[in-house]
C-alpha atoms as a PDB file:
ATOM      1  CA  UNK A   1       1.323 -39.169 -11.506  1.00  0.00           C
ATOM      2  CA  UNK A   2       2.994 -37.260  -8.578  1.00  0.00           C
ATOM      3  CA  UNK A   3       5.785 -37.277 -10.655  1.00  0.00           C
ATOM      4  CA  UNK A   4       3.931 -35.500 -13.214  1.00  0.00           C
ATOM      5  CA  UNK A   5       2.654 -33.242 -11.239  1.00  0.00           C
ATOM      6  CA  UNK A   6       6.071 -32.381  -9.745  1.00  0.00           C
ATOM      7  CA  UNK A   7       7.301 -31.708 -13.179  1.00  0.00           C
ATOM      8  CA  UNK A   8       4.404 -29.510 -14.068  1.00  0.00           C
ATOM      9  CA  UNK A   9       4.931 -27.566 -10.928  1.00  0.00           C
ATOM     10  CA  UNK A  10       8.411 -27.028 -11.375  1.00  0.00           C
ATOM     11  CA  UNK A  11       8.182 -25.920 -15.139  1.00  0.00           C
ATOM     12  CA  UNK A  12       5.730 -23.770 -13.727  1.00  0.00           C
ATOM     13  CA  UNK A  13       7.730 -22.068 -11.227  1.00  0.00           C
ATOM     14  CA  UNK A  14      10.498 -21.733 -13.603  1.00  0.00           C
ATOM     15  CA  UNK A  15       8.098 -19.987 -16.224  1.00  0.00           C
ATOM     16  CA  UNK A  16       6.894 -17.364 -13.729  1.00  0.00           C
ATOM     17  CA  UNK A  17      10.250 -16.724 -12.446  1.00  0.00           C
ATOM     18  CA  UNK A  18      11.536 -16.409 -15.950  1.00  0.00           C
ATOM     19  CA  UNK A  19       8.651 -13.541 -17.107  1.00  0.00           C
ATOM     20  CA  UNK A  20       9.787 -12.108 -13.807  1.00  0.00           C
ATOM     21  CA  UNK A  21      13.214 -11.481 -14.784  1.00  0.00           C
ATOM     22  CA  UNK A  22      12.109 -11.023 -18.459  1.00  0.00           C
ATOM     23  CA  UNK A  23      10.267  -8.070 -17.133  1.00  0.00           C
ATOM     24  CA  UNK A  24      13.413  -6.414 -14.937  1.00  0.00           C
ATOM     25  CA  UNK A  25      15.853  -7.014 -17.963  1.00  0.00           C
ATOM     26  CA  UNK A  26      13.421  -4.666 -20.006  1.00  0.00           C
ATOM     27  CA  UNK A  27      13.313  -1.702 -17.374  1.00  0.00           C
ATOM     28  CA  UNK A  28      17.108  -2.140 -17.080  1.00  0.00           C
ATOM     29  CA  UNK A  29      17.238  -1.227 -20.743  1.00  0.00           C
ATOM     30  CA  UNK A  30      14.947   1.532 -20.604  1.00  0.00           C
ATOM     31  CA  UNK A  31      16.372   5.606 -20.498  1.00  0.00           C
ATOM     32  CA  UNK A  32      16.169   7.786 -17.365  1.00  0.00           C
ATOM     33  CA  UNK A  33      13.291   9.944 -19.113  1.00  0.00           C
ATOM     34  CA  UNK A  34      11.265   6.013 -20.549  1.00  0.00           C
ATOM     35  CA  UNK A  35      11.492   4.556 -17.062  1.00  0.00           C
ATOM     36  CA  UNK A  36      10.259   8.063 -15.373  1.00  0.00           C
ATOM     37  CA  UNK A  37       7.378   8.207 -17.149  1.00  0.00           C
ATOM     38  CA  UNK A  38       6.661   4.232 -16.977  1.00  0.00           C
ATOM     39  CA  UNK A  39       5.942   5.408 -12.982  1.00  0.00           C
ATOM     40  CA  UNK A  40       4.613   7.807 -13.722  1.00  0.00           C
ATOM     41  CA  UNK A  41       1.889   6.329 -15.805  1.00  0.00           C
ATOM     42  CA  UNK A  42       1.890   3.620 -13.290  1.00  0.00           C
ATOM     43  CA  UNK A  43       1.363   5.973 -10.311  1.00  0.00           C
ATOM     44  CA  UNK A  44      -1.780   7.811 -12.130  1.00  0.00           C
ATOM     45  CA  UNK A  45      -3.213   3.704 -12.765  1.00  0.00           C
ATOM     46  CA  UNK A  46      -2.642   3.319  -8.940  1.00  0.00           C
ATOM     47  CA  UNK A  47      -3.659   6.459  -7.739  1.00  0.00           C
ATOM     48  CA  UNK A  48      -7.213   6.029  -9.637  1.00  0.00           C
ATOM     49  CA  UNK A  49      -7.721   2.695  -8.797  1.00  0.00           C
ATOM     50  CA  UNK A  50      -7.536   3.411  -4.969  1.00  0.00           C
ATOM     51  CA  UNK A  51      -9.688   7.062  -4.789  1.00  0.00           C
ATOM     52  CA  UNK A  52     -12.460   5.100  -6.762  1.00  0.00           C
ATOM     53  CA  UNK A  53     -11.888   2.413  -3.498  1.00  0.00           C
ATOM     54  CA  UNK A  54     -11.871   5.225  -1.351  1.00  0.00           C
ATOM     55  CA  UNK A  55     -15.329   6.612  -2.610  1.00  0.00           C
ATOM     56  CA  UNK A  56     -16.510   3.547  -1.484  1.00  0.00           C
ATOM     57  CA  UNK A  57     -15.265   3.045   1.391  1.00  0.00           C
ATOM     58  CA  UNK A  58     -16.784   6.628   1.891  1.00  0.00           C
ATOM     59  CA  UNK A  59     -20.037   5.712   0.772  1.00  0.00           C
ATOM     60  CA  UNK A  60     -20.094   2.619   2.816  1.00  0.00           C
ATOM     61  CA  UNK A  61     -18.962   4.425   6.149  1.00  0.00           C
ATOM     62  CA  UNK A  62     -21.794   6.874   5.205  1.00  0.00           C
ATOM     63  CA  UNK A  63     -24.790   4.378   4.976  1.00  0.00           C
ATOM     64  CA  UNK A  64     -23.539   2.282   8.123  1.00  0.00           C
ATOM     65  CA  UNK A  65     -24.434   4.237  10.715  1.00  0.00           C
ATOM     66  CA  UNK A  66     -28.248   4.314   9.120  1.00  0.00           C
ATOM     67  CA  UNK A  67     -28.481   0.514   8.342  1.00  0.00           C
ATOM     68  CA  UNK A  68     -27.222  -0.103  11.284  1.00  0.00           C
ATOM     69  CA  UNK A  69     -29.656   2.008  13.669  1.00  0.00           C
ATOM     70  CA  UNK A  70     -32.460   0.870  10.785  1.00  0.00           C
ATOM     71  CA  UNK A  71     -31.785  -2.884  12.587  1.00  0.00           C
ATOM     72  CA  UNK A  72     -31.690  -1.706  15.646  1.00  0.00           C
ATOM     73  CA  UNK A  73     -35.028  -0.388  15.649  1.00  0.00           C
ATOM     74  CA  UNK A  74     -36.143  -3.220  14.481  1.00  0.00           C
ATOM     75  CA  UNK A  75     -34.870  -5.516  16.700  1.00  0.00           C
ATOM     76  CA  UNK A  76     -36.290  -3.374  19.097  1.00  0.00           C
ATOM     77  CA  UNK A  77     -39.106  -3.476  17.789  1.00  0.00           C
ATOM     78  CA  UNK A  78     -38.867  -7.457  18.173  1.00  0.00           C
ATOM     79  CA  UNK A  79     -38.304  -8.361  14.486  1.00  0.00           C
ATOM     80  CA  UNK A  80     -36.064 -11.104  13.828  1.00  0.00           C
ATOM     81  CA  UNK A  81     -32.431  -9.020  12.623  1.00  0.00           C
ATOM     82  CA  UNK A  82     -29.409 -11.041  11.847  1.00  0.00           C
ATOM     83  CA  UNK A  83     -27.221  -7.645  11.226  1.00  0.00           C
ATOM     84  CA  UNK A  84     -26.036  -9.239   8.183  1.00  0.00           C
ATOM     85  CA  UNK A  85     -26.333  -5.570   6.503  1.00  0.00           C
ATOM     86  CA  UNK A  86     -24.276  -3.992   9.593  1.00  0.00           C
ATOM     87  CA  UNK A  87     -21.783  -6.605   8.938  1.00  0.00           C
ATOM     88  CA  UNK A  88     -21.167  -6.590   5.258  1.00  0.00           C
ATOM     89  CA  UNK A  89     -21.304  -2.434   5.272  1.00  0.00           C
ATOM     90  CA  UNK A  90     -18.413  -2.895   7.772  1.00  0.00           C
ATOM     91  CA  UNK A  91     -16.619  -5.657   6.107  1.00  0.00           C
ATOM     92  CA  UNK A  92     -16.877  -3.840   2.629  1.00  0.00           C
ATOM     93  CA  UNK A  93     -15.892  -0.042   3.904  1.00  0.00           C
ATOM     94  CA  UNK A  94     -12.633  -2.163   5.722  1.00  0.00           C
ATOM     95  CA  UNK A  95     -11.528  -3.832   2.992  1.00  0.00           C
ATOM     96  CA  UNK A  96     -12.344  -0.770   0.347  1.00  0.00           C
ATOM     97  CA  UNK A  97     -10.098   1.276   3.523  1.00  0.00           C
ATOM     98  CA  UNK A  98      -7.378  -0.708   3.488  1.00  0.00           C
ATOM     99  CA  UNK A  99      -7.111  -1.223   0.119  1.00  0.00           C
ATOM    100  CA  UNK A 100      -7.241   2.161  -1.076  1.00  0.00           C
ATOM    101  CA  UNK A 101      -4.941   3.624   1.221  1.00  0.00           C
ATOM    102  CA  UNK A 102      -2.394   0.937  -0.525  1.00  0.00           C
ATOM    103  CA  UNK A 103      -2.388   1.743  -3.728  1.00  0.00           C
ATOM    104  CA  UNK A 104      -2.532   5.206  -2.924  1.00  0.00           C
ATOM    105  CA  UNK A 105       0.920   4.983  -0.767  1.00  0.00           C
ATOM    106  CA  UNK A 106       2.137   2.450  -3.951  1.00  0.00           C
ATOM    107  CA  UNK A 107       1.441   5.306  -6.500  1.00  0.00           C
ATOM    108  CA  UNK A 108       2.482   7.955  -4.092  1.00  0.00           C
ATOM    109  CA  UNK A 109       6.174   5.664  -4.399  1.00  0.00           C
ATOM    110  CA  UNK A 110       5.915   5.706  -7.531  1.00  0.00           C
ATOM    111  CA  UNK A 111       5.460   9.142  -8.367  1.00  0.00           C
ATOM    112  CA  UNK A 112       8.559   9.962  -5.729  1.00  0.00           C
ATOM    113  CA  UNK A 113      10.987   7.533  -8.430  1.00  0.00           C
ATOM    114  CA  UNK A 114       9.425   9.697 -11.327  1.00  0.00           C
ATOM    115  CA  UNK A 115       9.986  12.480  -9.850  1.00  0.00           C
ATOM    116  CA  UNK A 116      13.743  11.796  -9.203  1.00  0.00           C
ATOM    117  CA  UNK A 117      13.783  10.216 -12.337  1.00  0.00           C
ATOM    118  CA  UNK A 118      12.787  12.876 -14.883  1.00  0.00           C
ATOM    119  CA  UNK A 119      14.088  15.451 -12.646  1.00  0.00           C
ATOM    120  CA  UNK A 120      17.007  17.746 -14.213  1.00  0.00           C
ATOM    121  CA  UNK A 121      20.129  17.684 -12.696  1.00  0.00           C
ATOM    122  CA  UNK A 122      22.225  20.780 -12.319  1.00  0.00           C
ATOM    123  CA  UNK A 123      25.650  21.484 -12.814  1.00  0.00           C
ATOM    124  CA  UNK A 124      26.523  22.869  -9.736  1.00  0.00           C
ATOM    125  CA  UNK A 125      24.985  19.453  -7.911  1.00  0.00           C
ATOM    126  CA  UNK A 126      28.830  18.631  -5.889  1.00  0.00           C
ATOM    127  CA  UNK A 127      29.670  14.896  -5.498  1.00  0.00           C
ATOM    128  CA  UNK A 128      27.699  12.151  -3.801  1.00  0.00           C
ATOM    129  CA  UNK A 129      24.649  15.133  -3.636  1.00  0.00           C
ATOM    130  CA  UNK A 130      21.930  12.304  -4.991  1.00  0.00           C
ATOM    131  CA  UNK A 131      23.550   9.931  -1.626  1.00  0.00           C
ATOM    132  CA  UNK A 132      22.893  12.487   0.732  1.00  0.00           C
ATOM    133  CA  UNK A 133      19.722  13.645  -0.692  1.00  0.00           C
ATOM    134  CA  UNK A 134      18.222   9.906  -0.495  1.00  0.00           C
ATOM    135  CA  UNK A 135      19.686   9.843   3.117  1.00  0.00           C
ATOM    136  CA  UNK A 136      17.814  12.577   4.008  1.00  0.00           C
ATOM    137  CA  UNK A 137      14.463  11.222   2.062  1.00  0.00           C
ATOM    138  CA  UNK A 138      14.882   7.912   3.505  1.00  0.00           C
ATOM    139  CA  UNK A 139      15.447   9.351   7.406  1.00  0.00           C
ATOM    140  CA  UNK A 140      12.281  11.552   6.273  1.00  0.00           C
ATOM    141  CA  UNK A 141      10.391   8.728   5.361  1.00  0.00           C
ATOM    142  CA  UNK A 142      11.365   6.594   8.295  1.00  0.00           C
ATOM    143  CA  UNK A 143       9.976   9.463  10.736  1.00  0.00           C
ATOM    144  CA  UNK A 144       7.104   9.855   8.764  1.00  0.00           C
ATOM    145  CA  UNK A 145       6.339   6.114   9.200  1.00  0.00           C
ATOM    146  CA  UNK A 146       6.415   6.053  12.803  1.00  0.00           C
ATOM    147  CA  UNK A 147       4.503   8.957  13.632  1.00  0.00           C
ATOM    148  CA  UNK A 148       1.627   7.192  10.864  1.00  0.00           C
ATOM    149  CA  UNK A 149       1.720   4.115  12.483  1.00  0.00           C
ATOM    150  CA  UNK A 150       1.912   5.680  15.952  1.00  0.00           C
ATOM    151  CA  UNK A 151      -1.554   7.551  14.933  1.00  0.00           C
ATOM    152  CA  UNK A 152      -3.215   4.820  13.428  1.00  0.00           C
ATOM    153  CA  UNK A 153      -2.411   2.080  15.981  1.00  0.00           C
ATOM    154  CA  UNK A 154      -3.303   5.061  18.770  1.00  0.00           C
ATOM    155  CA  UNK A 155      -6.500   6.026  16.822  1.00  0.00           C
ATOM    156  CA  UNK A 156      -7.761   2.121  16.231  1.00  0.00           C
ATOM    157  CA  UNK A 157      -7.537   1.615  19.863  1.00  0.00           C
ATOM    158  CA  UNK A 158      -8.947   4.157  21.348  1.00  0.00           C
ATOM    159  CA  UNK A 159     -11.547   3.830  18.832  1.00  0.00           C
ATOM    160  CA  UNK A 160     -12.431   0.564  20.178  1.00  0.00           C
ATOM    161  CA  UNK A 161     -12.298   1.446  24.080  1.00  0.00           C
ATOM    162  CA  UNK A 162     -14.333   4.629  23.452  1.00  0.00           C
ATOM    163  CA  UNK A 163     -17.835   3.087  23.297  1.00  0.00           C
ATOM    164  CA  UNK A 164     -16.967   0.437  26.170  1.00  0.00           C
ATOM    165  CA  UNK A 165     -16.010   3.746  28.700  1.00  0.00           C
ATOM    166  CA  UNK A 166     -19.999   4.986  27.938  1.00  0.00           C
ATOM    167  CA  UNK A 167     -22.159   3.931  31.122  1.00  0.00           C
ATOM    168  CA  UNK A 168     -26.032   4.489  29.774  1.00  0.00           C
ATOM    169  CA  UNK A 169     -27.154   4.482  33.802  1.00  0.00           C
ATOM    170  CA  UNK A 170     -24.827   7.669  33.892  1.00  0.00           C
ATOM    171  CA  UNK A 171     -25.459   9.992  32.370  1.00  0.00           C
ATOM    172  CA  UNK A 172     -22.425  12.374  33.648  1.00  0.00           C
ATOM    173  CA  UNK A 173     -20.094   9.971  32.531  1.00  0.00           C
ATOM    174  CA  UNK A 174     -22.167   8.804  28.541  1.00  0.00           C
ATOM    175  CA  UNK A 175     -19.752  11.132  26.981  1.00  0.00           C
ATOM    176  CA  UNK A 176     -16.596  10.465  27.850  1.00  0.00           C
ATOM    177  CA  UNK A 177     -16.096   7.052  25.647  1.00  0.00           C
ATOM    178  CA  UNK A 178     -17.925   9.586  22.935  1.00  0.00           C
ATOM    179  CA  UNK A 179     -15.741  11.732  22.899  1.00  0.00           C
ATOM    180  CA  UNK A 180     -12.321   8.789  22.482  1.00  0.00           C
ATOM    181  CA  UNK A 181     -13.872   7.589  20.308  1.00  0.00           C
ATOM    182  CA  UNK A 182     -14.285  10.909  18.093  1.00  0.00           C
ATOM    183  CA  UNK A 183     -10.457  11.071  19.231  1.00  0.00           C
ATOM    184  CA  UNK A 184      -9.303   7.992  17.815  1.00  0.00           C
ATOM    185  CA  UNK A 185     -10.862   8.698  14.651  1.00  0.00           C
ATOM    186  CA  UNK A 186      -9.357  12.172  13.915  1.00  0.00           C
ATOM    187  CA  UNK A 187      -5.932  10.066  14.667  1.00  0.00           C
ATOM    188  CA  UNK A 188      -6.931   7.881  12.442  1.00  0.00           C
ATOM    189  CA  UNK A 189      -7.443  10.145   9.533  1.00  0.00           C
ATOM    190  CA  UNK A 190      -4.803  11.952  10.205  1.00  0.00           C
ATOM    191  CA  UNK A 191      -2.245   8.898   9.989  1.00  0.00           C
ATOM    192  CA  UNK A 192      -3.143   8.201   6.503  1.00  0.00           C
ATOM    193  CA  UNK A 193      -1.563  12.009   4.762  1.00  0.00           C
ATOM    194  CA  UNK A 194       1.720  10.972   6.867  1.00  0.00           C
ATOM    195  CA  UNK A 195       2.433   7.157   5.814  1.00  0.00           C
ATOM    196  CA  UNK A 196       0.753   8.242   1.965  1.00  0.00           C
ATOM    197  CA  UNK A 197       3.854  10.694   2.124  1.00  0.00           C
ATOM    198  CA  UNK A 198       6.068   8.997   3.272  1.00  0.00           C
ATOM    199  CA  UNK A 199       5.375   6.348   0.622  1.00  0.00           C
ATOM    200  CA  UNK A 200       6.610   8.896  -1.467  1.00  0.00           C
ATOM    201  CA  UNK A 201       9.720   9.974  -0.026  1.00  0.00           C
ATOM    202  CA  UNK A 202      10.443   6.266  -0.123  1.00  0.00           C
ATOM    203  CA  UNK A 203       9.945   6.183  -3.806  1.00  0.00           C
ATOM    204  CA  UNK A 204      12.590   9.237  -4.611  1.00  0.00           C
ATOM    205  CA  UNK A 205      14.723   7.503  -1.856  1.00  0.00           C
ATOM    206  CA  UNK A 206      14.953   4.145  -3.726  1.00  0.00           C
ATOM    207  CA  UNK A 207      16.189   6.176  -6.777  1.00  0.00           C
ATOM    208  CA  UNK A 208      18.642   8.271  -5.272  1.00  0.00           C
ATOM    209  CA  UNK A 209      19.949   5.111  -3.443  1.00  0.00           C
ATOM    210  CA  UNK A 210      19.971   2.592  -6.476  1.00  0.00           C
ATOM    211  CA  UNK A 211      18.143   0.518  -4.645  1.00  0.00           C
ATOM    212  CA  UNK A 212      15.694  -0.068  -7.328  1.00  0.00           C
ATOM    213  CA  UNK A 213      16.499  -2.539 -11.074  1.00  0.00           C
ATOM    214  CA  UNK A 214      17.314   0.471 -13.153  1.00  0.00           C
ATOM    215  CA  UNK A 215      19.562   1.471 -15.172  1.00  0.00           C
ATOM    216  CA  UNK A 216      21.959   2.888 -13.333  1.00  0.00           C
ATOM    217  CA  UNK A 217      25.868   2.332 -14.413  1.00  0.00           C
ATOM    218  CA  UNK A 218      27.228   0.014 -12.024  1.00  0.00           C
ATOM    219  CA  UNK A 219      23.963  -2.094 -12.561  1.00  0.00           C
ATOM    220  CA  UNK A 220      26.476  -4.669 -14.864  1.00  0.00           C
ATOM    221  CA  UNK A 221      25.339  -8.222 -13.224  1.00  0.00           C
ATOM    222  CA  UNK A 222      23.979  -9.656 -16.408  1.00  0.00           C
ATOM    223  CA  UNK A 223      20.023 -11.436 -15.690  1.00  0.00           C
ATOM    224  CA  UNK A 224      20.160 -15.235 -15.322  1.00  0.00           C
ATOM    225  CA  UNK A 225      17.303 -17.220 -16.669  1.00  0.00           C
ATOM    226  CA  UNK A 226      15.863 -20.165 -15.508  1.00  0.00           C
ATOM    227  CA  UNK A 227      16.022 -23.264 -18.194  1.00  0.00           C
ATOM    228  CA  UNK A 228      15.301 -27.051 -18.270  1.00  0.00           C
ATOM    229  CA  UNK A 229      17.763 -29.317 -19.978  1.00  0.00           C
ATOM    230  CA  UNK A 230      17.157 -33.006 -21.338  1.00  0.00           C
ATOM    231  CA  UNK A 231      20.135 -34.994 -21.578  1.00  0.00           C
ATOM    232  CA  UNK A 232      20.687 -38.006 -23.782  1.00  0.00           C
ATOM    233  CA  UNK A 233      23.285 -40.698 -24.037  1.00  0.00           C
ATOM    234  CA  UNK A 234      24.563 -41.477 -27.782  1.00  0.00           C
ATOM    235  CA  UNK A 235      26.119 -45.126 -27.813  1.00  0.00           C
ATOM    236  CA  UNK A 236      28.900 -46.414 -24.893  1.00  0.00           C
END
């Protein structure tokens, strides 16, 4: 029984691997225009899904303080409140926000690929122009990612630390934590467009530097497919 399960697992791995390689081989046969249109449509689908999730995240974040205030008032009046509403909205807003940022970033990366594949090349471009531009886009993306992740990390840290700085018994220092938390929120929001734009520049660089599985001339290596073979011995 264990041997059968192991063989089925190996067969499923081979089938999945072959399916991916067949999909890659189909991309390799596309022209620049067809591949650019493919990435453009993929970008639209990803960004559409990302914007829908961003809307869900916005609604959850807007409703969160009202639900939290209602549960706090009920708890203050002596009702048994579990806080499930606040917890559920917090999880929904967190998951939908992270997923929407990931989808929009991936969509912008594919949009950058499509832009480079569909661009009209000028006859005046010097040799090595695409390589130079690709390196510039790559460096720009790395700078943007560094700035974006720095803003994101510092913003989240300030939002977590801010509420702890307020002392309810000290009216003079009660606004310090709120100011820190608001600053963290602004920094977190500012990091989103920077990271999204970095993804687009990474997509541009990946095409210009020929890092993706696209039909460039030097991609002459054949794609191998995994296979299963059965051997039988006939006679001596």
